[in-house]
N, C-alpha and C. Protein backbone atom coordinates (compact mmCIF):
# COMPACT_ATOMS: atom_id res chain seq x y z
N MET A 1 0.84 -1.18 0.00
CA MET A 1 0.00 0.00 0.00
C MET A 1 0.88 1.25 0.00
N GLN A 2 0.54 2.21 -0.80
CA GLN A 2 1.31 3.44 -0.93
C GLN A 2 0.91 4.43 0.15
N GLN A 3 1.92 5.05 0.75
CA GLN A 3 1.66 6.04 1.79
C GLN A 3 1.60 7.42 1.16
N VAL A 4 0.61 8.19 1.56
CA VAL A 4 0.40 9.53 1.02
C VAL A 4 0.68 10.55 2.12
N GLU A 5 1.49 11.56 1.80
CA GLU A 5 1.73 12.64 2.75
C GLU A 5 0.81 13.80 2.41
N LEU A 6 0.13 14.30 3.42
CA LEU A 6 -0.79 15.41 3.23
C LEU A 6 -0.17 16.69 3.76
N GLU A 7 -0.36 17.75 3.04
CA GLU A 7 0.06 19.07 3.50
C GLU A 7 -1.03 19.61 4.42
N PRO A 8 -0.66 20.20 5.53
CA PRO A 8 -1.69 20.74 6.42
C PRO A 8 -2.40 21.94 5.80
N LEU A 9 -3.71 22.00 5.97
CA LEU A 9 -4.48 23.12 5.45
C LEU A 9 -4.40 24.32 6.38
N TRP A 10 -4.39 24.06 7.68
CA TRP A 10 -4.34 25.10 8.69
C TRP A 10 -3.15 24.80 9.60
N VAL A 11 -2.37 25.80 9.93
CA VAL A 11 -1.15 25.60 10.71
C VAL A 11 -1.09 26.57 11.89
N THR A 12 -0.29 26.21 12.88
CA THR A 12 -0.04 27.09 14.01
C THR A 12 0.97 28.15 13.58
N TYR A 13 1.18 29.15 14.43
CA TYR A 13 2.21 30.15 14.16
C TYR A 13 3.57 29.49 14.00
N ASP A 14 3.92 28.56 14.89
CA ASP A 14 5.23 27.91 14.82
C ASP A 14 5.39 27.09 13.54
N GLU A 15 4.34 26.37 13.15
CA GLU A 15 4.41 25.61 11.90
C GLU A 15 4.56 26.54 10.70
N ALA A 16 3.83 27.64 10.70
CA ALA A 16 3.92 28.62 9.60
C ALA A 16 5.32 29.22 9.54
N ARG A 17 5.91 29.49 10.69
CA ARG A 17 7.28 30.03 10.72
C ARG A 17 8.24 29.05 10.07
N ARG A 18 8.13 27.77 10.40
CA ARG A 18 9.02 26.76 9.83
C ARG A 18 8.76 26.55 8.34
N LEU A 19 7.49 26.52 7.94
CA LEU A 19 7.15 26.25 6.54
C LEU A 19 7.49 27.41 5.61
N PHE A 20 7.25 28.64 6.08
CA PHE A 20 7.35 29.79 5.17
C PHE A 20 8.47 30.74 5.49
N GLY A 21 9.13 30.57 6.62
CA GLY A 21 10.26 31.42 6.96
C GLY A 21 9.88 32.84 7.34
N LEU A 22 8.66 33.01 7.83
CA LEU A 22 8.21 34.33 8.25
C LEU A 22 8.17 34.38 9.77
N SER A 23 8.44 35.53 10.34
CA SER A 23 8.43 35.65 11.79
C SER A 23 7.00 35.66 12.32
N ARG A 24 6.86 35.36 13.60
CA ARG A 24 5.54 35.39 14.24
C ARG A 24 4.93 36.78 14.14
N THR A 25 5.77 37.81 14.32
CA THR A 25 5.28 39.18 14.24
C THR A 25 4.75 39.49 12.84
N THR A 26 5.46 39.07 11.82
CA THR A 26 5.02 39.30 10.44
C THR A 26 3.72 38.57 10.17
N LEU A 27 3.62 37.32 10.62
CA LEU A 27 2.38 36.56 10.44
C LEU A 27 1.22 37.23 11.15
N TRP A 28 1.45 37.69 12.37
CA TRP A 28 0.41 38.37 13.14
C TRP A 28 -0.04 39.64 12.41
N ARG A 29 0.93 40.41 11.90
CA ARG A 29 0.60 41.66 11.20
C ARG A 29 -0.21 41.36 9.93
N LEU A 30 0.20 40.35 9.16
CA LEU A 30 -0.53 39.99 7.94
C LEU A 30 -1.95 39.54 8.26
N LEU A 31 -2.11 38.83 9.35
CA LEU A 31 -3.44 38.39 9.77
C LEU A 31 -4.30 39.59 10.16
N ARG A 32 -3.74 40.52 10.91
CA ARG A 32 -4.48 41.71 11.34
C ARG A 32 -4.84 42.61 10.16
N GLN A 33 -4.03 42.59 9.10
CA GLN A 33 -4.30 43.39 7.91
C GLN A 33 -5.18 42.66 6.89
N ASP A 34 -5.69 41.49 7.27
CA ASP A 34 -6.53 40.66 6.40
C ASP A 34 -5.83 40.26 5.11
N ARG A 35 -4.52 40.09 5.15
CA ARG A 35 -3.78 39.63 3.97
C ARG A 35 -3.65 38.11 3.96
N ILE A 36 -3.79 37.48 5.13
CA ILE A 36 -3.87 36.03 5.24
C ILE A 36 -5.07 35.69 6.12
N ARG A 37 -5.53 34.44 6.03
CA ARG A 37 -6.71 34.02 6.79
C ARG A 37 -6.30 33.27 8.05
N GLY A 38 -7.09 33.46 9.08
CA GLY A 38 -6.86 32.76 10.33
C GLY A 38 -8.17 32.39 10.97
N ALA A 39 -8.09 31.46 11.90
CA ALA A 39 -9.29 31.03 12.63
C ALA A 39 -8.89 30.77 14.08
N ARG A 40 -9.75 31.16 14.98
CA ARG A 40 -9.53 30.88 16.39
C ARG A 40 -10.24 29.57 16.72
N VAL A 41 -9.49 28.68 17.35
CA VAL A 41 -10.01 27.39 17.80
C VAL A 41 -9.76 27.33 19.30
N GLY A 42 -10.79 27.60 20.07
CA GLY A 42 -10.59 27.73 21.51
C GLY A 42 -9.69 28.92 21.78
N ARG A 43 -8.58 28.68 22.45
CA ARG A 43 -7.62 29.75 22.71
C ARG A 43 -6.49 29.79 21.69
N SER A 44 -6.49 28.83 20.75
CA SER A 44 -5.44 28.73 19.75
C SER A 44 -5.83 29.45 18.46
N VAL A 45 -4.83 29.81 17.69
CA VAL A 45 -5.05 30.42 16.38
C VAL A 45 -4.44 29.51 15.33
N ARG A 46 -5.18 29.28 14.27
CA ARG A 46 -4.67 28.52 13.13
C ARG A 46 -4.67 29.44 11.92
N LEU A 47 -3.62 29.33 11.11
CA LEU A 47 -3.47 30.15 9.91
C LEU A 47 -3.67 29.26 8.69
N GLU A 48 -4.37 29.77 7.71
CA GLU A 48 -4.60 28.99 6.49
C GLU A 48 -3.33 29.00 5.64
N ALA A 49 -2.75 27.83 5.44
CA ALA A 49 -1.49 27.71 4.72
C ALA A 49 -1.61 28.25 3.29
N GLN A 50 -2.72 27.96 2.62
CA GLN A 50 -2.89 28.41 1.23
C GLN A 50 -2.91 29.93 1.13
N SER A 51 -3.50 30.60 2.11
CA SER A 51 -3.54 32.07 2.06
C SER A 51 -2.13 32.66 2.23
N ILE A 52 -1.29 31.98 3.00
CA ILE A 52 0.10 32.44 3.15
C ILE A 52 0.85 32.23 1.84
N GLN A 53 0.66 31.07 1.22
CA GLN A 53 1.29 30.81 -0.08
C GLN A 53 0.83 31.82 -1.12
N ASP A 54 -0.47 32.11 -1.16
CA ASP A 54 -1.01 33.08 -2.12
C ASP A 54 -0.39 34.46 -1.89
N TYR A 55 -0.28 34.86 -0.63
CA TYR A 55 0.31 36.16 -0.30
C TYR A 55 1.76 36.22 -0.79
N LEU A 56 2.54 35.17 -0.51
CA LEU A 56 3.94 35.16 -0.93
C LEU A 56 4.06 35.16 -2.46
N GLN A 57 3.16 34.45 -3.13
CA GLN A 57 3.18 34.44 -4.60
C GLN A 57 2.91 35.83 -5.16
N LYS A 58 1.95 36.54 -4.60
CA LYS A 58 1.66 37.92 -5.05
C LYS A 58 2.86 38.83 -4.80
N GLN A 59 3.52 38.66 -3.67
CA GLN A 59 4.70 39.46 -3.37
C GLN A 59 5.82 39.17 -4.36
N ALA A 60 5.98 37.89 -4.73
CA ALA A 60 7.02 37.52 -5.68
C ALA A 60 6.73 38.11 -7.06
N GLU A 61 5.46 38.10 -7.48
CA GLU A 61 5.09 38.67 -8.78
C GLU A 61 5.32 40.17 -8.79
N ALA A 62 5.04 40.84 -7.69
CA ALA A 62 5.25 42.28 -7.62
C ALA A 62 6.74 42.63 -7.58
N PHE A 63 7.54 41.69 -7.12
CA PHE A 63 8.98 41.90 -7.01
C PHE A 63 9.66 41.86 -8.37
N ASP A 64 9.10 41.07 -9.30
CA ASP A 64 9.70 40.93 -10.64
C ASP A 64 9.73 42.20 -11.41
């Protein structure tokens, strides 16, 4: 049987920092500016990984 690895759809601040190389402060600021999506789960915050990727892609296109 083949094993499939799934990418997380929603990540913690620490996971987002490791995956995308952005600081917690930058992630918090982007969330507050509605540039990335987040959700509160109890006392925890989860960030939508795709919204972070989309944000970085737009920044890369603007950089060219």
